[in-house]
Amino acid sequence: MQYVSKSDKTDKQAIFQTGRKLSYEELKSANELWLIEHEEMTVEMTWRRLEERSDVDQGKVSGRLFSDIVNSCFIGMENSTNEEKEVHLTKVVRGWFRDEKC
């Protein structure tokens, strides 16, 4: 198992009970398992998106898909860096919350 700490406070409170070094074979096996699981998850997510798209296109669901809304935020930003897009999207979402549109 792998855990990711996102703050110094968490780092200071973490207490490790046990630990051991992993062999190269264990790491390789874990990586291969992760790749298989990740590929299965990606396939499942793709199917869900296709189903959502189909439901919207057929009028079964009203509104827009979140991915469409996010993509529309980037119109005219094709040459922008990912960091610039992230800053822009953050401002847009903050605006939605401020204006109570979410």
C-alpha atoms as a PDB file:
ATOM      1  CA  MET A   1       0.000   0.000   0.000  1.00  0.00           C
ATOM      2  CA  GLN A   2       1.084   3.527  -0.658  1.00  0.00           C
ATOM      3  CA  TYR A   3      -0.188   6.616   1.104  1.00  0.00           C
ATOM      4  CA  VAL A   4       0.388  10.187   0.041  1.00  0.00           C
ATOM      5  CA  SER A   5       0.718  12.913   2.637  1.00  0.00           C
ATOM      6  CA  LYS A   6      -0.337  16.356   1.495  1.00  0.00           C
ATOM      7  CA  SER A   7       0.687  18.409   4.497  1.00  0.00           C
ATOM      8  CA  ASP A   8       3.478  18.854   7.002  1.00  0.00           C
ATOM      9  CA  LYS A   9       0.966  18.366   9.808  1.00  0.00           C
ATOM     10  CA  THR A  10       0.140  14.895   8.531  1.00  0.00           C
ATOM     11  CA  ASP A  11       3.831  14.039   8.162  1.00  0.00           C
ATOM     12  CA  LYS A  12       4.446  14.916  11.800  1.00  0.00           C
ATOM     13  CA  GLN A  13       1.491  12.853  13.030  1.00  0.00           C
ATOM     14  CA  ALA A  14       2.225   9.718  10.978  1.00  0.00           C
ATOM     15  CA  ILE A  15       3.524   6.790  12.973  1.00  0.00           C
ATOM     16  CA  PHE A  16       4.886   3.851  11.026  1.00  0.00           C
ATOM     17  CA  GLN A  17       4.287   0.534  12.783  1.00  0.00           C
ATOM     18  CA  THR A  18       6.378  -1.672  10.528  1.00  0.00           C
ATOM     19  CA  GLY A  19       8.333  -1.415   7.356  1.00  0.00           C
ATOM     20  CA  ARG A  20      10.612  -3.360   5.095  1.00  0.00           C
ATOM     21  CA  LYS A  21      12.453  -2.908   1.842  1.00  0.00           C
ATOM     22  CA  LEU A  22      10.855  -4.410  -1.232  1.00  0.00           C
ATOM     23  CA  SER A  23      12.796  -6.531  -3.628  1.00  0.00           C
ATOM     24  CA  TYR A  24      13.025  -5.641  -7.290  1.00  0.00           C
ATOM     25  CA  GLU A  25      10.704  -8.552  -8.141  1.00  0.00           C
ATOM     26  CA  GLU A  26       8.083  -7.347  -5.638  1.00  0.00           C
ATOM     27  CA  LEU A  27       8.213  -3.842  -7.088  1.00  0.00           C
ATOM     28  CA  LYS A  28       7.984  -5.184 -10.633  1.00  0.00           C
ATOM     29  CA  SER A  29       5.019  -7.402  -9.721  1.00  0.00           C
ATOM     30  CA  ALA A  30       3.226  -4.534  -7.954  1.00  0.00           C
ATOM     31  CA  ASN A  31       3.811  -2.243 -10.933  1.00  0.00           C
ATOM     32  CA  GLU A  32       2.438  -4.832 -13.364  1.00  0.00           C
ATOM     33  CA  LEU A  33      -0.657  -5.293 -11.175  1.00  0.00           C
ATOM     34  CA  TRP A  34      -1.166  -1.525 -10.992  1.00  0.00           C
ATOM     35  CA  LEU A  35      -0.923  -1.242 -14.791  1.00  0.00           C
ATOM     36  CA  ILE A  36      -3.549  -3.960 -15.254  1.00  0.00           C
ATOM     37  CA  GLU A  37      -5.916  -2.353 -12.729  1.00  0.00           C
ATOM     38  CA  HIS A  38      -5.336   1.105 -14.202  1.00  0.00           C
ATOM     39  CA  GLU A  39      -6.084  -0.145 -17.722  1.00  0.00           C
ATOM     40  CA  GLU A  40      -9.306  -1.810 -16.520  1.00  0.00           C
ATOM     41  CA  MET A  41     -10.338   1.405 -14.742  1.00  0.00           C
ATOM     42  CA  THR A  42      -9.579   3.481 -17.850  1.00  0.00           C
ATOM     43  CA  VAL A  43     -11.691   1.183 -20.018  1.00  0.00           C
ATOM     44  CA  GLU A  44     -14.555   1.329 -17.508  1.00  0.00           C
ATOM     45  CA  MET A  45     -14.385   5.135 -17.331  1.00  0.00           C
ATOM     46  CA  THR A  46     -14.416   5.343 -21.127  1.00  0.00           C
ATOM     47  CA  TRP A  47     -17.563   3.205 -21.271  1.00  0.00           C
ATOM     48  CA  ARG A  48     -19.236   5.384 -18.622  1.00  0.00           C
ATOM     49  CA  ARG A  49     -18.412   8.525 -20.581  1.00  0.00           C
ATOM     50  CA  LEU A  50     -19.843   7.002 -23.751  1.00  0.00           C
ATOM     51  CA  GLU A  51     -23.014   6.025 -21.874  1.00  0.00           C
ATOM     52  CA  GLU A  52     -23.306   9.530 -20.366  1.00  0.00           C
ATOM     53  CA  ARG A  53     -22.771  11.097 -23.784  1.00  0.00           C
ATOM     54  CA  SER A  54     -25.439   8.814 -25.269  1.00  0.00           C
ATOM     55  CA  ASP A  55     -27.915   9.716 -22.497  1.00  0.00           C
ATOM     56  CA  VAL A  56     -27.350  13.439 -23.072  1.00  0.00           C
ATOM     57  CA  ASP A  57     -27.560  13.108 -26.867  1.00  0.00           C
ATOM     58  CA  GLN A  58     -30.806  11.127 -26.590  1.00  0.00           C
ATOM     59  CA  GLY A  59     -32.335  13.682 -24.218  1.00  0.00           C
ATOM     60  CA  LYS A  60     -32.545  11.207 -21.317  1.00  0.00           C
ATOM     61  CA  VAL A  61     -30.599  13.644 -19.151  1.00  0.00           C
ATOM     62  CA  SER A  62     -30.969  17.387 -19.212  1.00  0.00           C
ATOM     63  CA  GLY A  63     -28.038  19.725 -18.893  1.00  0.00           C
ATOM     64  CA  ARG A  64     -24.428  19.388 -19.979  1.00  0.00           C
ATOM     65  CA  LEU A  65     -21.680  16.976 -19.085  1.00  0.00           C
ATOM     66  CA  PHE A  66     -19.100  18.395 -16.697  1.00  0.00           C
ATOM     67  CA  SER A  67     -16.340  17.587 -19.204  1.00  0.00           C
ATOM     68  CA  ASP A  68     -18.136  19.723 -21.811  1.00  0.00           C
ATOM     69  CA  ILE A  69     -18.468  22.591 -19.356  1.00  0.00           C
ATOM     70  CA  VAL A  70     -14.781  22.415 -18.424  1.00  0.00           C
ATOM     71  CA  ASN A  71     -13.692  22.172 -22.061  1.00  0.00           C
ATOM     72  CA  SER A  72     -15.783  25.227 -22.931  1.00  0.00           C
ATOM     73  CA  CYS A  73     -13.755  27.188 -20.364  1.00  0.00           C
ATOM     74  CA  PHE A  74     -10.650  26.692 -22.495  1.00  0.00           C
ATOM     75  CA  ILE A  75     -11.942  28.055 -25.794  1.00  0.00           C
ATOM     76  CA  GLY A  76      -9.262  30.320 -27.202  1.00  0.00           C
ATOM     77  CA  MET A  77      -6.607  28.900 -24.879  1.00  0.00           C
ATOM     78  CA  GLU A  78      -5.221  26.233 -27.223  1.00  0.00           C
ATOM     79  CA  ASN A  79      -1.680  27.619 -26.992  1.00  0.00           C
ATOM     80  CA  SER A  80      -1.758  28.091 -23.218  1.00  0.00           C
ATOM     81  CA  THR A  81       0.256  25.927 -20.857  1.00  0.00           C
ATOM     82  CA  ASN A  82      -1.444  23.471 -18.515  1.00  0.00           C
ATOM     83  CA  GLU A  83      -0.516  25.730 -15.608  1.00  0.00           C
ATOM     84  CA  GLU A  84      -2.232  28.714 -17.272  1.00  0.00           C
ATOM     85  CA  LYS A  85      -5.309  26.592 -17.965  1.00  0.00           C
ATOM     86  CA  GLU A  86      -5.384  25.420 -14.340  1.00  0.00           C
ATOM     87  CA  VAL A  87      -5.213  29.006 -13.049  1.00  0.00           C
ATOM     88  CA  HIS A  88      -7.989  30.050 -15.445  1.00  0.00           C
ATOM     89  CA  LEU A  89     -10.211  27.089 -14.513  1.00  0.00           C
ATOM     90  CA  THR A  90      -9.677  27.768 -10.803  1.00  0.00           C
ATOM     91  CA  LYS A  91     -10.867  31.354 -11.293  1.00  0.00           C
ATOM     92  CA  VAL A  92     -13.906  30.180 -13.265  1.00  0.00           C
ATOM     93  CA  VAL A  93     -14.930  27.639 -10.620  1.00  0.00           C
ATOM     94  CA  ARG A  94     -14.445  30.165  -7.806  1.00  0.00           C
ATOM     95  CA  GLY A  95     -16.704  32.502  -9.762  1.00  0.00           C
ATOM     96  CA  TRP A  96     -19.373  29.810 -10.001  1.00  0.00           C
ATOM     97  CA  PHE A  97     -19.342  29.318  -6.241  1.00  0.00           C
ATOM     98  CA  ARG A  98     -19.291  33.052  -5.553  1.00  0.00           C
ATOM     99  CA  ASP A  99     -22.259  33.568  -7.899  1.00  0.00           C
ATOM    100  CA  GLU A 100     -24.016  30.480  -6.445  1.00  0.00           C
ATOM    101  CA  LYS A 101     -24.142  28.754  -9.828  1.00  0.00           C
ATOM    102  CA  CYS A 102     -22.994  25.413  -8.369  1.00  0.00           C
END
